[in-house]
Amino acid sequence: FACGCLVAMKESCGCLGRLAEVMMKWKFFVIGGWALAICVLGPFAPGFAQAATVTVEPPSGTQGYDALMQYRRYFPHLALTADYSGLLQVPSGRVLDTPGLADFSD
């Protein structure tokens, strides 16, 4: 083989060296194996994406639930795309005057 790194693989781990030789000799078999894996597992990909999606609704009657309802009321076009909604309370004055608020909002 032209690649000198293959010799280093053989010296460090015999199994890896043999695997590297097989992969270099039968490279189309490796590509075919990946193609087969994609064909077999590909149809399950949308189901995996749906199962991996996390949606958490706050319990009704909590401040988080009330904040989410207000958010949906004022921003209905963003209600389904919001990643986070929070409740910010200030003892007096306006919420918009809170220092550092611009770092967390648009």
N, C-alpha and C. Protein backbone atom coordinates (compact mmCIF):
# COMPACT_ATOMS: atom_id res chain seq x y z
N PHE A 1 0.83 -1.19 0.00
CA PHE A 1 0.00 0.00 0.00
C PHE A 1 0.87 1.24 0.00
N ALA A 2 0.39 2.29 -0.63
CA ALA A 2 1.16 3.52 -0.75
C ALA A 2 1.12 4.34 0.54
N CYS A 3 0.13 4.13 1.33
CA CYS A 3 -0.04 4.94 2.54
C CYS A 3 0.81 4.38 3.68
N GLY A 4 1.69 5.20 4.22
CA GLY A 4 2.54 4.76 5.31
C GLY A 4 1.81 4.66 6.63
N CYS A 5 0.64 5.34 6.74
CA CYS A 5 -0.10 5.32 8.01
C CYS A 5 -0.71 3.94 8.25
N LEU A 6 -0.89 3.15 7.22
CA LEU A 6 -1.46 1.82 7.39
C LEU A 6 -0.53 0.93 8.21
N VAL A 7 0.76 1.10 8.02
CA VAL A 7 1.74 0.34 8.78
C VAL A 7 1.63 0.69 10.26
N ALA A 8 1.46 1.98 10.56
CA ALA A 8 1.32 2.40 11.96
C ALA A 8 0.08 1.79 12.58
N MET A 9 -1.01 1.69 11.80
CA MET A 9 -2.24 1.09 12.33
C MET A 9 -2.01 -0.38 12.65
N LYS A 10 -1.32 -1.08 11.78
CA LYS A 10 -1.06 -2.50 12.01
C LYS A 10 -0.24 -2.71 13.27
N GLU A 11 0.71 -1.83 13.50
CA GLU A 11 1.57 -1.99 14.67
C GLU A 11 0.82 -1.71 15.96
N SER A 12 -0.10 -0.74 15.95
CA SER A 12 -0.77 -0.37 17.20
C SER A 12 -1.92 -1.32 17.53
N CYS A 13 -2.61 -1.81 16.53
CA CYS A 13 -3.75 -2.70 16.78
C CYS A 13 -3.95 -3.58 15.55
N GLY A 14 -3.72 -4.85 15.72
CA GLY A 14 -3.82 -5.78 14.61
C GLY A 14 -5.19 -5.81 13.96
N CYS A 15 -6.23 -5.69 14.76
CA CYS A 15 -7.59 -5.72 14.22
C CYS A 15 -7.85 -4.50 13.33
N LEU A 16 -7.38 -3.34 13.77
CA LEU A 16 -7.56 -2.14 12.96
C LEU A 16 -6.78 -2.23 11.66
N GLY A 17 -5.61 -2.78 11.73
CA GLY A 17 -4.81 -2.93 10.51
C GLY A 17 -5.50 -3.83 9.51
N ARG A 18 -6.03 -4.94 9.97
CA ARG A 18 -6.74 -5.86 9.08
C ARG A 18 -8.00 -5.21 8.53
N LEU A 19 -8.73 -4.48 9.39
CA LEU A 19 -9.93 -3.78 8.94
C LEU A 19 -9.58 -2.74 7.88
N ALA A 20 -8.49 -2.02 8.08
CA ALA A 20 -8.07 -1.02 7.10
C ALA A 20 -7.74 -1.68 5.76
N GLU A 21 -7.07 -2.82 5.80
CA GLU A 21 -6.74 -3.52 4.56
C GLU A 21 -8.01 -3.96 3.83
N VAL A 22 -8.96 -4.51 4.57
CA VAL A 22 -10.22 -4.96 3.96
C VAL A 22 -10.97 -3.78 3.36
N MET A 23 -11.01 -2.67 4.09
CA MET A 23 -11.74 -1.50 3.60
C MET A 23 -11.09 -0.92 2.35
N MET A 24 -9.75 -0.93 2.30
CA MET A 24 -9.07 -0.40 1.12
C MET A 24 -9.25 -1.33 -0.07
N LYS A 25 -9.27 -2.62 0.18
CA LYS A 25 -9.41 -3.59 -0.92
C LYS A 25 -10.86 -3.64 -1.43
N TRP A 26 -11.81 -3.56 -0.53
CA TRP A 26 -13.21 -3.70 -0.86
C TRP A 26 -13.97 -2.39 -0.64
N LYS A 27 -13.43 -1.27 -1.13
CA LYS A 27 -14.03 0.03 -0.85
C LYS A 27 -15.45 0.16 -1.40
N PHE A 28 -15.74 -0.49 -2.51
CA PHE A 28 -17.10 -0.41 -3.04
C PHE A 28 -18.08 -1.19 -2.17
N PHE A 29 -17.59 -2.21 -1.48
CA PHE A 29 -18.43 -2.95 -0.54
C PHE A 29 -18.80 -2.06 0.64
N VAL A 30 -17.85 -1.26 1.09
CA VAL A 30 -18.11 -0.33 2.21
C VAL A 30 -19.16 0.70 1.80
N ILE A 31 -18.99 1.28 0.61
CA ILE A 31 -19.95 2.27 0.11
C ILE A 31 -21.32 1.62 -0.06
N GLY A 32 -21.34 0.40 -0.59
CA GLY A 32 -22.60 -0.32 -0.74
C GLY A 32 -23.26 -0.61 0.60
N GLY A 33 -22.44 -0.93 1.60
CA GLY A 33 -22.98 -1.17 2.94
C GLY A 33 -23.66 0.07 3.51
N TRP A 34 -23.01 1.22 3.31
CA TRP A 34 -23.62 2.46 3.77
C TRP A 34 -24.90 2.76 3.00
N ALA A 35 -24.90 2.52 1.70
CA ALA A 35 -26.10 2.75 0.89
C ALA A 35 -27.24 1.84 1.35
N LEU A 36 -26.90 0.59 1.65
CA LEU A 36 -27.91 -0.34 2.16
C LEU A 36 -28.46 0.12 3.51
N ALA A 37 -27.57 0.57 4.38
CA ALA A 37 -28.01 1.06 5.69
C ALA A 37 -28.95 2.26 5.54
N ILE A 38 -28.64 3.16 4.61
CA ILE A 38 -29.49 4.32 4.38
C ILE A 38 -30.85 3.90 3.84
N CYS A 39 -30.85 2.94 2.92
CA CYS A 39 -32.12 2.46 2.35
C CYS A 39 -32.98 1.76 3.39
N VAL A 40 -32.35 1.01 4.27
CA VAL A 40 -33.11 0.27 5.29
C VAL A 40 -33.58 1.19 6.41
N LEU A 41 -32.71 2.07 6.87
CA LEU A 41 -33.04 2.91 8.02
C LEU A 41 -33.64 4.26 7.65
N GLY A 42 -33.50 4.68 6.40
CA GLY A 42 -34.01 5.98 5.96
C GLY A 42 -35.48 6.20 6.21
N PRO A 43 -36.35 5.22 5.93
CA PRO A 43 -37.78 5.44 6.18
C PRO A 43 -38.13 5.70 7.65
N PHE A 44 -37.26 5.31 8.57
CA PHE A 44 -37.54 5.52 9.98
C PHE A 44 -37.08 6.88 10.48
N ALA A 45 -36.35 7.64 9.65
CA ALA A 45 -35.80 8.93 10.07
C ALA A 45 -36.88 9.94 10.46
N PRO A 46 -37.97 10.10 9.70
CA PRO A 46 -38.99 11.06 10.14
C PRO A 46 -39.62 10.69 11.48
N GLY A 47 -39.81 9.41 11.71
CA GLY A 47 -40.36 8.98 13.00
C GLY A 47 -39.41 9.27 14.14
N PHE A 48 -38.11 9.14 13.89
CA PHE A 48 -37.12 9.45 14.92
C PHE A 48 -37.13 10.93 15.25
N ALA A 49 -37.22 11.77 14.22
CA ALA A 49 -37.25 13.21 14.44
C ALA A 49 -38.49 13.60 15.25
N GLN A 50 -39.61 12.97 14.96
CA GLN A 50 -40.83 13.27 15.70
C GLN A 50 -40.72 12.78 17.15
N ALA A 51 -40.15 11.62 17.36
CA ALA A 51 -40.01 11.09 18.71
C ALA A 51 -38.98 11.87 19.52
N ALA A 52 -38.02 12.48 18.86
CA ALA A 52 -36.97 13.22 19.57
C ALA A 52 -37.37 14.66 19.88
N THR A 53 -38.52 15.11 19.37
CA THR A 53 -38.97 16.47 19.64
C THR A 53 -39.54 16.56 21.05
N VAL A 54 -39.08 17.55 21.77
CA VAL A 54 -39.54 17.74 23.15
C VAL A 54 -40.45 18.96 23.20
N THR A 55 -41.64 18.76 23.69
CA THR A 55 -42.55 19.87 23.92
C THR A 55 -43.02 19.78 25.37
N VAL A 56 -42.88 20.88 26.06
CA VAL A 56 -43.26 20.92 27.46
C VAL A 56 -44.24 22.06 27.66
N GLU A 57 -45.42 21.73 28.05
CA GLU A 57 -46.42 22.73 28.38
C GLU A 57 -46.43 22.90 29.89
N PRO A 58 -46.39 24.14 30.38
CA PRO A 58 -46.44 24.33 31.82
C PRO A 58 -47.82 23.93 32.36
N PRO A 59 -47.89 23.48 33.59
CA PRO A 59 -49.18 23.11 34.17
C PRO A 59 -50.10 24.33 34.27
N SER A 60 -51.38 24.11 33.99
CA SER A 60 -52.32 25.23 34.06
C SER A 60 -52.41 25.74 35.49
N GLY A 61 -52.61 27.05 35.59
CA GLY A 61 -52.69 27.69 36.90
C GLY A 61 -51.36 28.20 37.43
N THR A 62 -50.28 27.92 36.73
CA THR A 62 -48.97 28.40 37.17
C THR A 62 -48.64 29.71 36.47
N GLN A 63 -47.63 30.41 36.97
CA GLN A 63 -47.24 31.67 36.35
C GLN A 63 -46.65 31.43 34.97
N GLY A 64 -45.97 30.32 34.78
CA GLY A 64 -45.43 29.99 33.47
C GLY A 64 -46.54 29.78 32.45
N TYR A 65 -47.62 29.14 32.85
CA TYR A 65 -48.76 28.93 31.97
C TYR A 65 -49.39 30.27 31.60
N ASP A 66 -49.57 31.14 32.61
CA ASP A 66 -50.15 32.46 32.35
C ASP A 66 -49.27 33.26 31.38
N ALA A 67 -47.94 33.18 31.57
CA ALA A 67 -47.02 33.89 30.68
C ALA A 67 -47.12 33.35 29.25
N LEU A 68 -47.23 32.04 29.11
CA LEU A 68 -47.35 31.44 27.79
C LEU A 68 -48.65 31.86 27.11
N MET A 69 -49.74 31.92 27.86
CA MET A 69 -51.02 32.35 27.29
C MET A 69 -50.95 33.81 26.85
N GLN A 70 -50.30 34.65 27.64
CA GLN A 70 -50.15 36.05 27.25
C GLN A 70 -49.29 36.17 25.99
N TYR A 71 -48.25 35.36 25.93
CA TYR A 71 -47.39 35.36 24.75
C TYR A 71 -48.19 34.96 23.51
N ARG A 72 -48.98 33.94 23.64
CA ARG A 72 -49.80 33.48 22.51
C ARG A 72 -50.85 34.53 22.14
N ARG A 73 -51.31 35.28 23.13
CA ARG A 73 -52.31 36.32 22.87
C ARG A 73 -51.71 37.47 22.07
N TYR A 74 -50.52 37.92 22.45
CA TYR A 74 -49.90 39.07 21.81
C TYR A 74 -49.07 38.72 20.58
N PHE A 75 -48.58 37.51 20.51
CA PHE A 75 -47.75 37.08 19.38
C PHE A 75 -48.27 35.76 18.80
N PRO A 76 -49.48 35.74 18.27
CA PRO A 76 -50.03 34.47 17.77
C PRO A 76 -49.23 33.88 16.61
N HIS A 77 -48.61 34.71 15.80
CA HIS A 77 -47.83 34.21 14.66
C HIS A 77 -46.53 33.55 15.11
N LEU A 78 -46.09 33.81 16.33
CA LEU A 78 -44.85 33.21 16.84
C LEU A 78 -45.12 32.14 17.90
N ALA A 79 -46.38 31.94 18.24
CA ALA A 79 -46.71 31.06 19.37
C ALA A 79 -46.21 29.63 19.17
N LEU A 80 -46.21 29.15 17.95
CA LEU A 80 -45.79 27.77 17.73
C LEU A 80 -44.29 27.65 17.47
N THR A 81 -43.60 28.78 17.28
CA THR A 81 -42.18 28.72 16.98
C THR A 81 -41.31 29.18 18.14
N ALA A 82 -41.92 29.61 19.24
CA ALA A 82 -41.12 30.11 20.36
C ALA A 82 -40.41 28.96 21.05
N ASP A 83 -39.12 29.14 21.29
CA ASP A 83 -38.35 28.13 22.00
C ASP A 83 -38.45 28.32 23.51
N TYR A 84 -38.74 29.53 23.92
CA TYR A 84 -38.73 29.81 25.35
C TYR A 84 -39.67 30.96 25.63
N SER A 85 -40.42 30.85 26.66
CA SER A 85 -41.21 31.98 27.15
C SER A 85 -40.98 32.07 28.65
N GLY A 86 -40.85 33.27 29.13
CA GLY A 86 -40.56 33.46 30.56
C GLY A 86 -41.38 34.59 31.13
N LEU A 87 -41.46 34.61 32.41
CA LEU A 87 -42.20 35.63 33.13
C LEU A 87 -41.18 36.52 33.84
N LEU A 88 -41.25 37.80 33.55
CA LEU A 88 -40.34 38.75 34.18
C LEU A 88 -41.18 39.74 34.97
N GLN A 89 -40.96 39.81 36.26
CA GLN A 89 -41.69 40.73 37.11
C GLN A 89 -40.71 41.74 37.70
N VAL A 90 -41.16 42.98 37.79
CA VAL A 90 -40.36 44.02 38.41
C VAL A 90 -41.16 44.62 39.56
N PRO A 91 -40.49 45.02 40.65
CA PRO A 91 -41.22 45.56 41.80
C PRO A 91 -41.94 46.86 41.48
N SER A 92 -41.36 47.69 40.62
CA SER A 92 -42.02 48.93 40.23
C SER A 92 -41.47 49.38 38.89
N GLY A 93 -42.21 50.21 38.21
CA GLY A 93 -41.76 50.71 36.92
C GLY A 93 -42.15 49.79 35.78
N ARG A 94 -41.48 50.02 34.65
CA ARG A 94 -41.79 49.24 33.46
C ARG A 94 -40.79 48.09 33.29
N VAL A 95 -41.27 46.99 32.79
CA VAL A 95 -40.40 45.84 32.53
C VAL A 95 -39.34 46.19 31.49
N LEU A 96 -39.71 47.00 30.51
CA LEU A 96 -38.78 47.36 29.44
C LEU A 96 -37.60 48.18 29.93
N ASP A 97 -37.70 48.77 31.12
CA ASP A 97 -36.60 49.54 31.69
C ASP A 97 -35.62 48.68 32.49
N THR A 98 -35.82 47.39 32.51
CA THR A 98 -34.95 46.49 33.27
C THR A 98 -33.57 46.45 32.63
N PRO A 99 -32.51 46.69 33.42
CA PRO A 99 -31.16 46.65 32.84
C PRO A 99 -30.82 45.24 32.32
N GLY A 100 -30.22 45.20 31.14
CA GLY A 100 -29.79 43.92 30.57
C GLY A 100 -30.88 43.16 29.83
N LEU A 101 -32.09 43.69 29.79
CA LEU A 101 -33.19 42.98 29.11
C LEU A 101 -32.92 42.84 27.61
N ALA A 102 -32.26 43.80 27.04
CA ALA A 102 -31.98 43.76 25.59
C ALA A 102 -31.08 42.57 25.23
N ASP A 103 -30.33 42.07 26.19
CA ASP A 103 -29.46 40.92 25.90
C ASP A 103 -30.27 39.64 25.70
N PHE A 104 -31.50 39.61 26.15
CA PHE A 104 -32.31 38.39 26.08
C PHE A 104 -33.53 38.51 25.18
N SER A 105 -33.71 39.63 24.52
CA SER A 105 -34.88 39.81 23.67
C SER A 105 -34.48 40.52 22.39
N ASP A 106 -35.40 40.50 21.43
CA ASP A 106 -35.13 41.15 20.13
C ASP A 106 -35.35 42.63 20.25
